[in-house]
N, C-alpha and C. Protein backbone atom coordinates (compact mmCIF):
# COMPACT_ATOMS: atom_id res chain seq x y z
N MET A 1 -109.53 -26.21 30.84
CA MET A 1 -108.52 -27.09 30.61
C MET A 1 -108.32 -28.50 30.74
N THR A 2 -107.58 -29.12 29.71
CA THR A 2 -107.73 -30.58 29.68
C THR A 2 -106.86 -31.35 30.24
N THR A 3 -106.97 -32.58 30.63
CA THR A 3 -106.05 -33.50 31.32
C THR A 3 -105.38 -34.42 30.48
N PRO A 4 -103.84 -34.27 30.83
CA PRO A 4 -103.02 -35.06 29.73
C PRO A 4 -103.37 -36.47 29.88
N HIS A 5 -102.75 -37.45 29.00
CA HIS A 5 -102.90 -38.63 29.48
C HIS A 5 -101.60 -39.28 28.75
N ALA A 6 -101.53 -40.44 29.08
CA ALA A 6 -100.18 -41.03 28.65
C ALA A 6 -100.11 -42.60 27.50
N LEU A 7 -98.94 -42.77 26.63
CA LEU A 7 -99.10 -43.48 25.66
C LEU A 7 -98.07 -44.47 26.13
N ASP A 8 -98.25 -46.05 26.15
CA ASP A 8 -96.84 -46.75 26.41
C ASP A 8 -96.16 -46.71 25.08
N THR A 9 -94.88 -47.38 24.98
CA THR A 9 -94.20 -47.27 24.10
C THR A 9 -94.68 -47.94 22.69
N ASP A 10 -95.47 -49.16 23.11
CA ASP A 10 -96.48 -49.77 21.86
C ASP A 10 -97.41 -48.86 21.47
N GLN A 11 -97.91 -48.40 22.13
CA GLN A 11 -99.17 -47.56 21.51
C GLN A 11 -98.42 -46.33 20.75
N ALA A 12 -97.39 -45.58 20.91
CA ALA A 12 -97.19 -44.68 20.60
C ALA A 12 -96.50 -44.88 19.32
N ARG A 13 -95.78 -46.48 19.22
CA ARG A 13 -95.03 -46.71 18.02
C ARG A 13 -96.15 -46.97 16.87
N THR A 14 -97.29 -47.65 17.68
CA THR A 14 -98.16 -47.77 16.39
C THR A 14 -98.77 -46.68 15.67
N ARG A 15 -98.82 -45.64 16.70
CA ARG A 15 -99.57 -43.99 16.32
C ARG A 15 -98.44 -43.35 15.67
N LEU A 16 -97.06 -43.27 15.57
CA LEU A 16 -96.11 -42.58 15.18
C LEU A 16 -96.70 -41.88 14.22
N HIS A 17 -96.85 -42.41 13.19
CA HIS A 17 -96.71 -41.69 11.86
C HIS A 17 -98.09 -40.78 12.11
N GLU A 18 -98.93 -40.91 13.09
CA GLU A 18 -100.24 -39.95 13.09
C GLU A 18 -99.61 -38.90 14.20
N LEU A 19 -98.63 -38.98 14.83
CA LEU A 19 -98.78 -38.00 16.17
C LEU A 19 -97.21 -37.01 15.67
N ILE A 20 -97.70 -35.83 16.41
CA ILE A 20 -96.56 -34.97 15.93
C ILE A 20 -95.88 -34.93 17.81
N VAL A 21 -94.52 -35.49 17.57
CA VAL A 21 -93.76 -35.76 18.38
C VAL A 21 -92.99 -34.50 18.97
N LEU A 22 -93.21 -34.19 20.42
CA LEU A 22 -92.35 -32.89 20.41
C LEU A 22 -91.45 -33.39 21.99
N ASP A 23 -90.12 -33.32 21.74
CA ASP A 23 -89.13 -34.02 22.71
C ASP A 23 -88.60 -32.42 23.41
N VAL A 24 -88.96 -32.68 24.76
CA VAL A 24 -88.60 -31.17 25.70
C VAL A 24 -87.66 -31.63 26.48
N ARG A 25 -86.46 -32.48 25.93
CA ARG A 25 -85.19 -32.66 26.57
C ARG A 25 -84.03 -31.23 26.37
N THR A 26 -83.14 -31.27 26.81
CA THR A 26 -82.16 -30.32 26.21
C THR A 26 -81.85 -30.67 24.68
N PRO A 27 -81.11 -29.61 24.10
CA PRO A 27 -80.72 -30.14 22.43
C PRO A 27 -79.41 -31.13 22.54
N GLY A 28 -78.62 -31.06 23.82
CA GLY A 28 -77.78 -32.05 23.62
C GLY A 28 -78.20 -33.53 24.08
N GLU A 29 -79.37 -33.39 25.00
CA GLU A 29 -79.98 -34.97 24.96
C GLU A 29 -80.29 -35.38 23.86
N TYR A 30 -81.14 -34.37 23.30
CA TYR A 30 -82.25 -34.71 22.02
C TYR A 30 -80.95 -35.32 20.88
N ALA A 31 -79.76 -34.78 20.81
CA ALA A 31 -78.78 -35.18 20.03
C ALA A 31 -78.41 -36.75 20.08
N THR A 32 -78.47 -37.11 21.35
CA THR A 32 -77.68 -38.29 21.64
C THR A 32 -78.84 -39.32 21.17
N GLY A 33 -80.13 -39.14 20.54
CA GLY A 33 -81.12 -40.19 20.32
C GLY A 33 -82.35 -39.67 20.77
N HIS A 34 -83.26 -39.68 19.43
CA HIS A 34 -84.60 -39.32 19.77
C HIS A 34 -85.62 -40.28 18.99
N LEU A 35 -86.72 -40.18 19.11
CA LEU A 35 -87.86 -40.65 18.61
C LEU A 35 -87.76 -40.11 17.15
N PRO A 36 -87.99 -40.96 16.25
CA PRO A 36 -88.03 -40.97 14.75
C PRO A 36 -88.89 -39.54 14.85
N GLY A 37 -88.62 -38.51 13.98
CA GLY A 37 -89.90 -37.38 13.65
C GLY A 37 -90.08 -36.31 14.78
N ALA A 38 -89.36 -36.86 15.93
CA ALA A 38 -89.48 -35.79 17.06
C ALA A 38 -88.85 -34.24 16.88
N LEU A 39 -89.97 -33.43 17.07
CA LEU A 39 -88.93 -32.21 16.96
C LEU A 39 -88.81 -31.64 18.52
N ASN A 40 -87.85 -31.10 18.92
CA ASN A 40 -86.92 -30.55 19.89
C ASN A 40 -87.18 -28.96 20.61
N ILE A 41 -88.19 -29.05 21.52
CA ILE A 41 -88.83 -27.88 22.25
C ILE A 41 -88.09 -28.00 23.42
N PRO A 42 -87.05 -27.58 24.30
CA PRO A 42 -86.54 -27.82 25.59
C PRO A 42 -88.00 -27.39 26.64
N LEU A 43 -88.07 -27.90 27.58
CA LEU A 43 -89.12 -27.66 28.48
C LEU A 43 -89.12 -26.12 28.89
N ASP A 44 -87.96 -25.49 29.02
CA ASP A 44 -87.75 -23.85 29.50
C ASP A 44 -88.32 -23.05 28.16
N HIS A 45 -88.27 -23.70 27.16
CA HIS A 45 -88.77 -22.63 25.92
C HIS A 45 -90.17 -23.19 25.50
N LEU A 46 -91.28 -23.59 26.30
CA LEU A 46 -92.43 -23.81 25.88
C LEU A 46 -93.65 -22.95 25.95
N ASP A 47 -93.47 -22.21 26.97
CA ASP A 47 -94.15 -20.91 26.76
C ASP A 47 -94.14 -20.07 25.34
N HIS A 48 -92.70 -19.76 24.91
CA HIS A 48 -92.22 -19.19 23.73
C HIS A 48 -92.75 -19.82 22.68
N ALA A 49 -92.94 -21.02 22.75
CA ALA A 49 -93.20 -22.03 21.60
C ALA A 49 -95.03 -22.07 21.47
N LEU A 50 -95.70 -21.86 22.31
CA LEU A 50 -97.43 -22.18 22.64
C LEU A 50 -98.04 -21.80 21.10
N PRO A 51 -97.60 -20.49 20.82
CA PRO A 51 -98.63 -20.40 19.46
C PRO A 51 -98.41 -21.80 18.25
N ASP A 52 -96.96 -21.74 18.40
CA ASP A 52 -96.91 -22.82 17.16
C ASP A 52 -97.17 -24.16 17.66
N ILE A 53 -97.13 -24.55 18.89
CA ILE A 53 -97.58 -25.74 19.12
C ILE A 53 -99.09 -25.76 19.24
N ARG A 54 -99.68 -24.63 19.74
CA ARG A 54 -101.61 -24.94 19.66
C ARG A 54 -101.43 -24.67 18.17
N HIS A 55 -101.01 -24.27 17.19
CA HIS A 55 -101.19 -24.34 15.79
C HIS A 55 -101.14 -25.54 15.23
N ALA A 56 -100.20 -26.46 15.69
CA ALA A 56 -99.73 -28.04 15.37
C ALA A 56 -100.74 -28.96 15.97
N ALA A 57 -101.39 -28.53 17.40
CA ALA A 57 -102.38 -29.46 17.96
C ALA A 57 -103.91 -29.31 17.22
N GLN A 58 -103.79 -28.35 16.31
CA GLN A 58 -105.03 -28.21 15.21
C GLN A 58 -104.96 -29.22 14.34
N ARG A 59 -103.71 -29.52 13.77
CA ARG A 59 -103.59 -30.67 12.71
C ARG A 59 -103.43 -32.07 13.19
N GLY A 60 -103.30 -32.20 14.38
CA GLY A 60 -102.67 -33.54 14.92
C GLY A 60 -102.62 -33.84 16.13
N ASP A 61 -102.64 -34.96 16.81
CA ASP A 61 -102.64 -35.14 18.51
C ASP A 61 -101.07 -34.96 18.68
N LEU A 62 -100.88 -34.56 19.63
CA LEU A 62 -99.49 -34.27 20.30
C LEU A 62 -98.73 -35.35 21.37
N LEU A 63 -97.95 -35.76 20.98
CA LEU A 63 -97.11 -36.79 22.05
C LEU A 63 -95.94 -36.10 22.67
N VAL A 64 -95.62 -35.88 23.92
CA VAL A 64 -94.77 -35.03 24.61
C VAL A 64 -93.69 -36.27 25.21
N VAL A 65 -92.48 -35.83 24.92
CA VAL A 65 -91.57 -37.44 25.15
C VAL A 65 -90.21 -36.34 26.13
N CYS A 66 -89.92 -37.05 26.95
CA CYS A 66 -88.48 -36.62 27.53
C CYS A 66 -87.65 -37.74 27.97
N ALA A 67 -86.95 -37.75 28.65
CA ALA A 67 -85.85 -39.17 29.05
C ALA A 67 -86.66 -40.02 29.73
N SER A 68 -87.22 -39.65 30.92
CA SER A 68 -87.92 -40.56 31.86
C SER A 68 -89.56 -40.51 31.85
N GLY A 69 -90.01 -39.37 31.49
CA GLY A 69 -91.49 -39.09 31.82
C GLY A 69 -91.88 -37.90 32.31
N ALA A 70 -91.17 -37.40 33.20
CA ALA A 70 -91.07 -36.74 34.45
C ALA A 70 -91.70 -35.21 33.55
N ARG A 71 -90.35 -34.96 33.27
CA ARG A 71 -90.28 -33.52 32.29
C ARG A 71 -91.80 -33.46 31.43
N SER A 72 -91.91 -34.76 30.87
CA SER A 72 -92.98 -34.66 29.32
C SER A 72 -94.25 -34.60 30.35
N GLU A 73 -94.25 -35.00 31.60
CA GLU A 73 -95.37 -35.02 32.47
C GLU A 73 -95.78 -33.54 32.90
N ASN A 74 -94.76 -32.77 33.04
CA ASN A 74 -94.89 -31.43 33.49
C ASN A 74 -95.35 -30.54 32.18
N ALA A 75 -94.51 -30.99 30.91
CA ALA A 75 -95.16 -30.05 29.80
C ALA A 75 -96.51 -30.06 29.54
N CYS A 76 -96.91 -31.37 29.72
CA CYS A 76 -98.41 -31.73 29.26
C CYS A 76 -99.30 -31.24 30.20
N HIS A 77 -98.93 -31.01 31.66
CA HIS A 77 -99.53 -30.09 32.49
C HIS A 77 -99.56 -28.66 31.94
N THR A 78 -98.55 -28.23 31.83
CA THR A 78 -98.57 -26.63 31.28
C THR A 78 -99.21 -26.54 30.07
N LEU A 79 -99.22 -27.24 28.93
CA LEU A 79 -99.86 -27.00 27.84
C LEU A 79 -101.39 -27.35 28.17
N ALA A 80 -102.00 -28.04 29.09
CA ALA A 80 -103.11 -28.30 29.05
C ALA A 80 -103.57 -26.95 29.75
N ALA A 81 -102.99 -26.68 30.59
CA ALA A 81 -103.36 -25.15 31.24
C ALA A 81 -103.77 -23.85 30.29
N HIS A 82 -103.20 -24.30 28.87
CA HIS A 82 -103.28 -23.29 27.83
C HIS A 82 -104.31 -24.01 27.07
N GLY A 83 -105.05 -25.10 27.21
CA GLY A 83 -106.15 -25.47 26.64
C GLY A 83 -105.51 -26.51 25.55
N ILE A 84 -104.59 -26.93 25.25
CA ILE A 84 -103.90 -27.93 24.40
C ILE A 84 -103.59 -29.43 25.18
N THR A 85 -104.43 -29.89 24.18
CA THR A 85 -104.35 -31.67 24.68
C THR A 85 -103.24 -32.42 24.03
N THR A 86 -102.48 -32.83 25.08
CA THR A 86 -101.53 -33.94 24.69
C THR A 86 -101.47 -34.95 25.53
N ALA A 87 -100.46 -35.89 25.11
CA ALA A 87 -100.08 -37.34 25.95
C ALA A 87 -98.97 -37.25 26.21
N THR A 88 -98.16 -38.16 27.17
CA THR A 88 -97.14 -38.31 27.59
C THR A 88 -96.30 -39.58 27.28
N LEU A 89 -95.19 -39.91 26.61
CA LEU A 89 -94.63 -41.30 26.53
C LEU A 89 -94.53 -42.00 28.08
N THR A 90 -95.20 -42.98 28.36
CA THR A 90 -95.00 -43.43 29.58
C THR A 90 -93.43 -44.09 29.62
N GLY A 91 -92.38 -43.37 30.69
CA GLY A 91 -91.18 -44.01 30.42
C GLY A 91 -90.23 -42.99 29.91
N GLY A 92 -90.95 -42.32 28.99
CA GLY A 92 -90.07 -41.95 28.21
C GLY A 92 -88.83 -42.26 26.99
N LYS A 93 -87.86 -41.52 26.43
CA LYS A 93 -86.97 -42.00 25.37
C LYS A 93 -86.50 -43.40 26.27
N THR A 94 -86.49 -43.59 27.27
CA THR A 94 -85.55 -44.70 28.19
C THR A 94 -85.98 -45.68 27.85
N ALA A 95 -87.58 -45.63 28.50
CA ALA A 95 -88.46 -47.02 27.76
C ALA A 95 -88.66 -47.19 26.61
N TRP A 96 -88.61 -46.07 25.72
CA TRP A 96 -88.71 -46.38 24.20
C TRP A 96 -87.46 -47.12 23.78
N ALA A 97 -86.26 -46.49 24.05
CA ALA A 97 -84.90 -47.92 23.64
C ALA A 97 -85.25 -48.84 24.28
N ALA A 98 -85.56 -49.13 25.38
CA ALA A 98 -85.69 -50.51 26.27
C ALA A 98 -86.29 -51.36 25.70
N ASP A 99 -87.12 -50.98 25.15
CA ASP A 99 -88.55 -51.69 24.62
C ASP A 99 -87.98 -51.94 22.94
N GLY A 100 -86.55 -51.62 22.64
CA GLY A 100 -86.43 -52.27 21.26
C GLY A 100 -86.86 -51.24 20.26
N HIS A 101 -87.55 -49.89 20.44
CA HIS A 101 -87.96 -49.39 19.33
C HIS A 101 -86.71 -48.31 18.80
N THR A 102 -86.85 -48.36 17.33
CA THR A 102 -85.68 -47.10 16.64
C THR A 102 -85.66 -46.04 17.31
N LEU A 103 -84.35 -45.68 17.50
CA LEU A 103 -84.09 -44.14 17.93
C LEU A 103 -83.56 -43.60 16.63
N HIS A 104 -83.41 -41.78 16.47
CA HIS A 104 -83.04 -41.39 15.35
C HIS A 104 -81.78 -40.66 15.87
N HIS A 105 -80.66 -40.93 15.18
CA HIS A 105 -79.49 -40.14 15.88
C HIS A 105 -79.21 -39.03 14.79
N PRO A 106 -79.23 -37.65 14.87
CA PRO A 106 -78.40 -37.14 13.91
C PRO A 106 -77.16 -36.93 13.05
N ASP A 107 -77.14 -37.10 11.68
CA ASP A 107 -75.93 -37.46 11.21
C ASP A 107 -74.60 -36.62 11.93
N SER A 108 -75.04 -35.39 11.95
CA SER A 108 -74.10 -34.16 12.32
C SER A 108 -74.59 -33.58 13.90
N ALA A 109 -74.67 -34.65 14.75
CA ALA A 109 -74.66 -33.93 16.07
C ALA A 109 -73.62 -33.36 16.66
N ARG A 110 -73.87 -31.93 16.86
CA ARG A 110 -73.03 -30.80 17.59
C ARG A 110 -72.08 -31.35 18.29
N ARG A 111 -72.81 -31.82 19.39
CA ARG A 111 -72.12 -32.03 20.79
C ARG A 111 -72.32 -33.29 21.14
N THR A 112 -71.89 -34.09 21.88
CA THR A 112 -71.96 -34.98 22.93
C THR A 112 -72.24 -34.87 24.14
N ALA A 113 -73.52 -34.41 24.92
CA ALA A 113 -73.80 -34.05 25.95
C ALA A 113 -74.29 -35.38 27.12
N TRP A 114 -74.28 -34.96 28.41
CA TRP A 114 -74.79 -35.57 29.03
C TRP A 114 -76.11 -35.94 29.46
N ASN A 115 -76.92 -36.74 29.84
CA ASN A 115 -78.62 -36.36 29.79
C ASN A 115 -78.48 -35.67 31.09
N MET A 116 -79.79 -35.20 31.18
CA MET A 116 -79.88 -34.11 32.55
C MET A 116 -79.50 -35.02 33.91
N GLU A 117 -80.26 -36.50 33.81
CA GLU A 117 -80.28 -36.91 35.24
C GLU A 117 -78.51 -36.97 35.56
N ARG A 118 -78.00 -37.55 34.56
CA ARG A 118 -76.47 -37.55 34.77
C ARG A 118 -75.89 -36.13 35.41
N GLN A 119 -76.01 -35.28 34.52
CA GLN A 119 -75.54 -33.63 34.99
C GLN A 119 -76.05 -33.26 36.74
N VAL A 120 -77.29 -33.92 37.01
CA VAL A 120 -77.64 -33.08 37.97
C VAL A 120 -76.94 -34.13 39.14
N ARG A 121 -76.85 -35.59 39.06
CA ARG A 121 -76.09 -36.42 39.96
C ARG A 121 -74.39 -35.82 39.92
N LEU A 122 -73.95 -35.63 38.77
CA LEU A 122 -72.46 -35.01 39.11
C LEU A 122 -72.68 -33.44 39.77
N THR A 123 -73.37 -32.82 39.44
CA THR A 123 -73.43 -31.60 40.39
C THR A 123 -73.94 -31.51 41.66
N ALA A 124 -74.62 -32.66 42.10
CA ALA A 124 -75.07 -32.65 43.51
C ALA A 124 -74.02 -33.31 44.09
N GLY A 125 -73.66 -34.21 43.79
CA GLY A 125 -72.47 -35.01 44.49
C GLY A 125 -71.05 -34.11 44.37
N ALA A 126 -70.95 -32.97 43.79
CA ALA A 126 -69.96 -32.38 43.73
C ALA A 126 -69.89 -31.39 44.75
N VAL A 127 -71.31 -30.85 44.74
CA VAL A 127 -71.69 -30.06 46.18
C VAL A 127 -71.27 -30.53 47.18
N VAL A 128 -71.87 -31.76 47.56
CA VAL A 128 -71.97 -32.72 48.69
C VAL A 128 -70.43 -32.73 49.32
N LEU A 129 -69.76 -33.20 48.40
CA LEU A 129 -68.30 -33.62 48.48
C LEU A 129 -67.53 -32.42 48.98
N THR A 130 -67.86 -31.28 48.19
CA THR A 130 -67.16 -30.12 48.38
C THR A 130 -67.47 -29.38 49.55
N GLY A 131 -68.95 -29.27 50.07
CA GLY A 131 -69.56 -28.99 51.29
C GLY A 131 -68.76 -29.61 52.46
N LEU A 132 -68.55 -30.75 52.28
CA LEU A 132 -68.06 -31.80 53.45
C LEU A 132 -66.21 -31.78 53.54
N ALA A 133 -65.94 -31.62 52.64
CA ALA A 133 -64.52 -31.43 52.55
C ALA A 133 -64.17 -29.68 53.26
N LEU A 134 -64.80 -28.90 52.91
CA LEU A 134 -64.40 -27.49 53.39
C LEU A 134 -65.40 -27.64 54.77
N GLY A 135 -66.32 -28.40 55.21
CA GLY A 135 -66.99 -28.33 56.50
C GLY A 135 -65.67 -28.61 57.08
N ARG A 136 -64.70 -29.18 57.19
CA ARG A 136 -63.52 -29.44 58.05
C ARG A 136 -62.56 -28.12 58.40
N LEU A 137 -62.94 -27.36 57.57
CA LEU A 137 -61.98 -25.88 57.99
C LEU A 137 -62.98 -25.00 58.53
N HIS A 138 -64.41 -25.07 58.21
CA HIS A 138 -65.67 -24.09 58.88
C HIS A 138 -66.72 -24.98 58.73
N PRO A 139 -67.43 -25.09 59.75
CA PRO A 139 -68.76 -26.02 59.70
C PRO A 139 -69.91 -25.85 58.88
N ALA A 140 -69.89 -24.20 58.87
CA ALA A 140 -70.85 -23.60 57.90
C ALA A 140 -70.98 -24.02 56.60
N PHE A 141 -69.73 -24.46 55.79
CA PHE A 141 -69.76 -24.95 54.66
C PHE A 141 -70.55 -26.48 54.48
N ARG A 142 -70.82 -27.03 55.65
CA ARG A 142 -71.51 -28.43 55.77
C ARG A 142 -73.11 -27.93 54.96
N LEU A 143 -73.68 -26.98 55.47
CA LEU A 143 -74.71 -26.54 54.80
C LEU A 143 -75.15 -26.76 53.70
N ALA A 144 -74.14 -26.68 52.69
CA ALA A 144 -74.47 -26.51 51.64
C ALA A 144 -74.74 -28.07 51.03
N SER A 145 -73.99 -29.19 51.69
CA SER A 145 -74.36 -30.94 51.60
C SER A 145 -75.86 -30.79 52.14
N ALA A 146 -76.08 -30.30 53.52
CA ALA A 146 -77.43 -30.38 53.79
C ALA A 146 -78.57 -29.85 52.78
N GLY A 147 -78.23 -28.66 52.33
CA GLY A 147 -79.17 -28.14 51.23
C GLY A 147 -79.21 -28.63 50.24
N VAL A 148 -77.97 -29.31 49.76
CA VAL A 148 -78.00 -30.48 48.62
C VAL A 148 -79.09 -31.66 48.82
N ALA A 149 -79.05 -32.13 49.88
CA ALA A 149 -79.66 -33.38 50.37
C ALA A 149 -81.26 -32.95 50.64
N GLY A 150 -81.07 -31.79 51.31
CA GLY A 150 -82.98 -31.36 51.25
C GLY A 150 -83.50 -31.28 50.15
N GLY A 151 -82.87 -30.92 48.83
CA GLY A 151 -83.16 -30.53 47.62
C GLY A 151 -83.52 -31.84 46.84
N LEU A 152 -82.84 -32.95 47.07
CA LEU A 152 -83.04 -33.82 46.63
C LEU A 152 -84.49 -34.52 47.19
N VAL A 153 -84.32 -34.86 48.64
CA VAL A 153 -85.85 -35.31 49.11
C VAL A 153 -86.92 -34.45 48.27
N TYR A 154 -86.87 -33.07 48.46
CA TYR A 154 -88.21 -32.55 47.99
C TYR A 154 -88.31 -32.69 46.20
N SER A 155 -87.21 -32.85 45.74
CA SER A 155 -87.29 -33.22 44.21
C SER A 155 -87.94 -34.78 44.03
N ALA A 156 -87.61 -35.54 44.98
CA ALA A 156 -88.45 -36.87 45.02
C ALA A 156 -89.82 -36.63 45.38
N LEU A 157 -90.28 -35.68 46.28
CA LEU A 157 -91.81 -35.54 47.04
C LEU A 157 -92.51 -34.55 45.97
N THR A 158 -91.96 -33.86 44.97
CA THR A 158 -92.53 -33.24 43.96
C THR A 158 -92.63 -33.73 42.57
N ASN A 159 -91.60 -34.49 42.21
CA ASN A 159 -91.56 -35.07 40.77
C ASN A 159 -91.17 -33.84 40.19
N THR A 160 -90.22 -32.85 40.80
CA THR A 160 -89.64 -31.66 40.06
C THR A 160 -88.47 -31.79 40.50
N CYS A 161 -87.33 -30.79 39.50
CA CYS A 161 -85.96 -30.87 39.85
C CYS A 161 -85.43 -29.53 39.81
N GLY A 162 -85.44 -28.87 40.65
CA GLY A 162 -84.91 -27.15 40.85
C GLY A 162 -83.48 -27.56 39.85
N MET A 163 -82.57 -28.11 40.64
CA MET A 163 -80.91 -28.36 40.07
C MET A 163 -81.12 -28.40 38.29
N ALA A 164 -81.80 -29.48 37.81
CA ALA A 164 -82.32 -29.57 36.72
C ALA A 164 -82.42 -28.40 35.69
N SER A 165 -83.43 -27.64 36.21
CA SER A 165 -83.83 -26.22 35.66
C SER A 165 -82.74 -25.52 35.80
N LEU A 166 -81.90 -25.15 36.74
CA LEU A 166 -80.70 -24.31 36.72
C LEU A 166 -79.96 -24.68 35.67
N LEU A 167 -79.35 -26.09 35.71
CA LEU A 167 -78.61 -26.85 34.75
C LEU A 167 -79.18 -26.34 33.27
N ALA A 168 -80.26 -26.62 32.75
CA ALA A 168 -81.13 -26.38 31.60
C ALA A 168 -80.52 -25.12 31.01
N LYS A 169 -80.34 -24.07 31.78
CA LYS A 169 -79.74 -22.74 31.14
C LYS A 169 -78.29 -22.52 31.09
N LEU A 170 -77.53 -23.66 31.18
CA LEU A 170 -76.42 -23.27 31.24
C LEU A 170 -76.04 -23.60 29.43
N PRO A 171 -75.05 -22.84 28.89
CA PRO A 171 -74.80 -22.85 27.30
C PRO A 171 -74.94 -24.11 26.56
N HIS A 172 -74.48 -25.39 27.22
CA HIS A 172 -74.15 -26.32 26.53
C HIS A 172 -75.39 -27.12 26.36
N ASN A 173 -76.74 -26.59 27.15
CA ASN A 173 -77.74 -27.23 27.47
C ASN A 173 -78.86 -26.74 26.79
N ARG A 174 -78.70 -25.08 25.98
CA ARG A 174 -79.48 -24.28 25.36
C ARG A 174 -79.44 -24.72 23.81
N PRO A 175 -80.51 -24.43 23.31
CA PRO A 175 -80.63 -24.69 22.11
C PRO A 175 -80.11 -23.51 20.87
N HIS A 176 -79.55 -23.54 19.87
CA HIS A 176 -78.95 -22.58 19.18
C HIS A 176 -80.29 -21.95 18.44
N GLN A 177 -80.26 -20.75 18.80
CA GLN A 177 -81.64 -20.01 17.73
C GLN A 177 -82.40 -20.22 16.72
N GLY A 178 -81.21 -20.67 15.54
CA GLY A 178 -81.46 -21.17 14.37
C GLY A 178 -82.08 -22.60 14.24
N ASP A 179 -81.65 -23.41 15.49
CA ASP A 179 -82.34 -24.89 15.64
C ASP A 179 -83.85 -24.83 16.09
N LEU A 180 -83.86 -23.90 17.15
CA LEU A 180 -85.21 -23.59 17.88
C LEU A 180 -86.22 -22.95 16.47
N ASP A 181 -85.61 -21.72 16.16
CA ASP A 181 -86.59 -21.18 15.16
C ASP A 181 -86.82 -22.20 13.68
N ALA A 182 -86.12 -23.18 13.25
CA ALA A 182 -86.49 -23.99 12.32
C ALA A 182 -87.19 -25.11 13.15
N THR A 183 -87.29 -25.40 14.02
CA THR A 183 -88.26 -26.27 14.56
C THR A 183 -89.52 -25.51 15.03
N LEU A 184 -89.50 -24.29 15.38
CA LEU A 184 -91.18 -23.77 15.38
C LEU A 184 -91.63 -23.71 13.91
N ALA A 185 -91.00 -23.36 12.89
CA ALA A 185 -91.48 -23.34 11.57
C ALA A 185 -91.70 -24.75 11.15
N ALA A 186 -91.03 -25.99 11.40
CA ALA A 186 -91.82 -27.03 11.33
C ALA A 186 -93.05 -27.16 11.99
N LEU A 187 -93.04 -26.98 12.99
CA LEU A 187 -94.60 -26.55 13.61
C LEU A 187 -95.54 -26.12 12.93
N ARG A 188 -95.27 -25.11 12.39
CA ARG A 188 -96.29 -24.17 11.74
C ARG A 188 -96.54 -24.64 10.57
N ALA A 189 -95.61 -25.44 9.79
CA ALA A 189 -96.05 -25.60 8.13
C ALA A 189 -96.33 -26.98 8.29
N GLY A 190 -96.23 -27.96 9.32
CA GLY A 190 -96.94 -29.26 9.39
C GLY A 190 -96.90 -29.85 8.26
């Protein structure tokens, strides 16, 4: 197993022409703007894409990107466990944009989706408020609010997010099969 490493935005920008960039955000997030040349393979499709990612890694260095760096770090660990050396972009797409680097916006973005962090905040807040409101009818409903609070604490301690994993499975966060097939073909072709 190899150990993943990180590149800051300036290091990544100077090497962008030689890197194979994999964006592990949802397709909706990817459509809101991504690093030039980045290919979208959502984190929950990584295992399916392993053979093509391994093939691409034989041709060049891989840079894995997400919104903030947390999902890409998880992806790097997953790929390292399969013998694939990668780097993550420190701070993710957010840091890339904040440092003034160019983002690519597809001409034909099919949908405008919220980033995953925003979706998690909305869902967590809605469940907490619902649990508190229904808790006036029966105290047991407050357990939903407590469960979300516990999940948020666990998420912070482990740098993972179960709610984001669940939300990523919703239809608006899933890639169209044709899009994923085209991405995997691009990895194979090089």
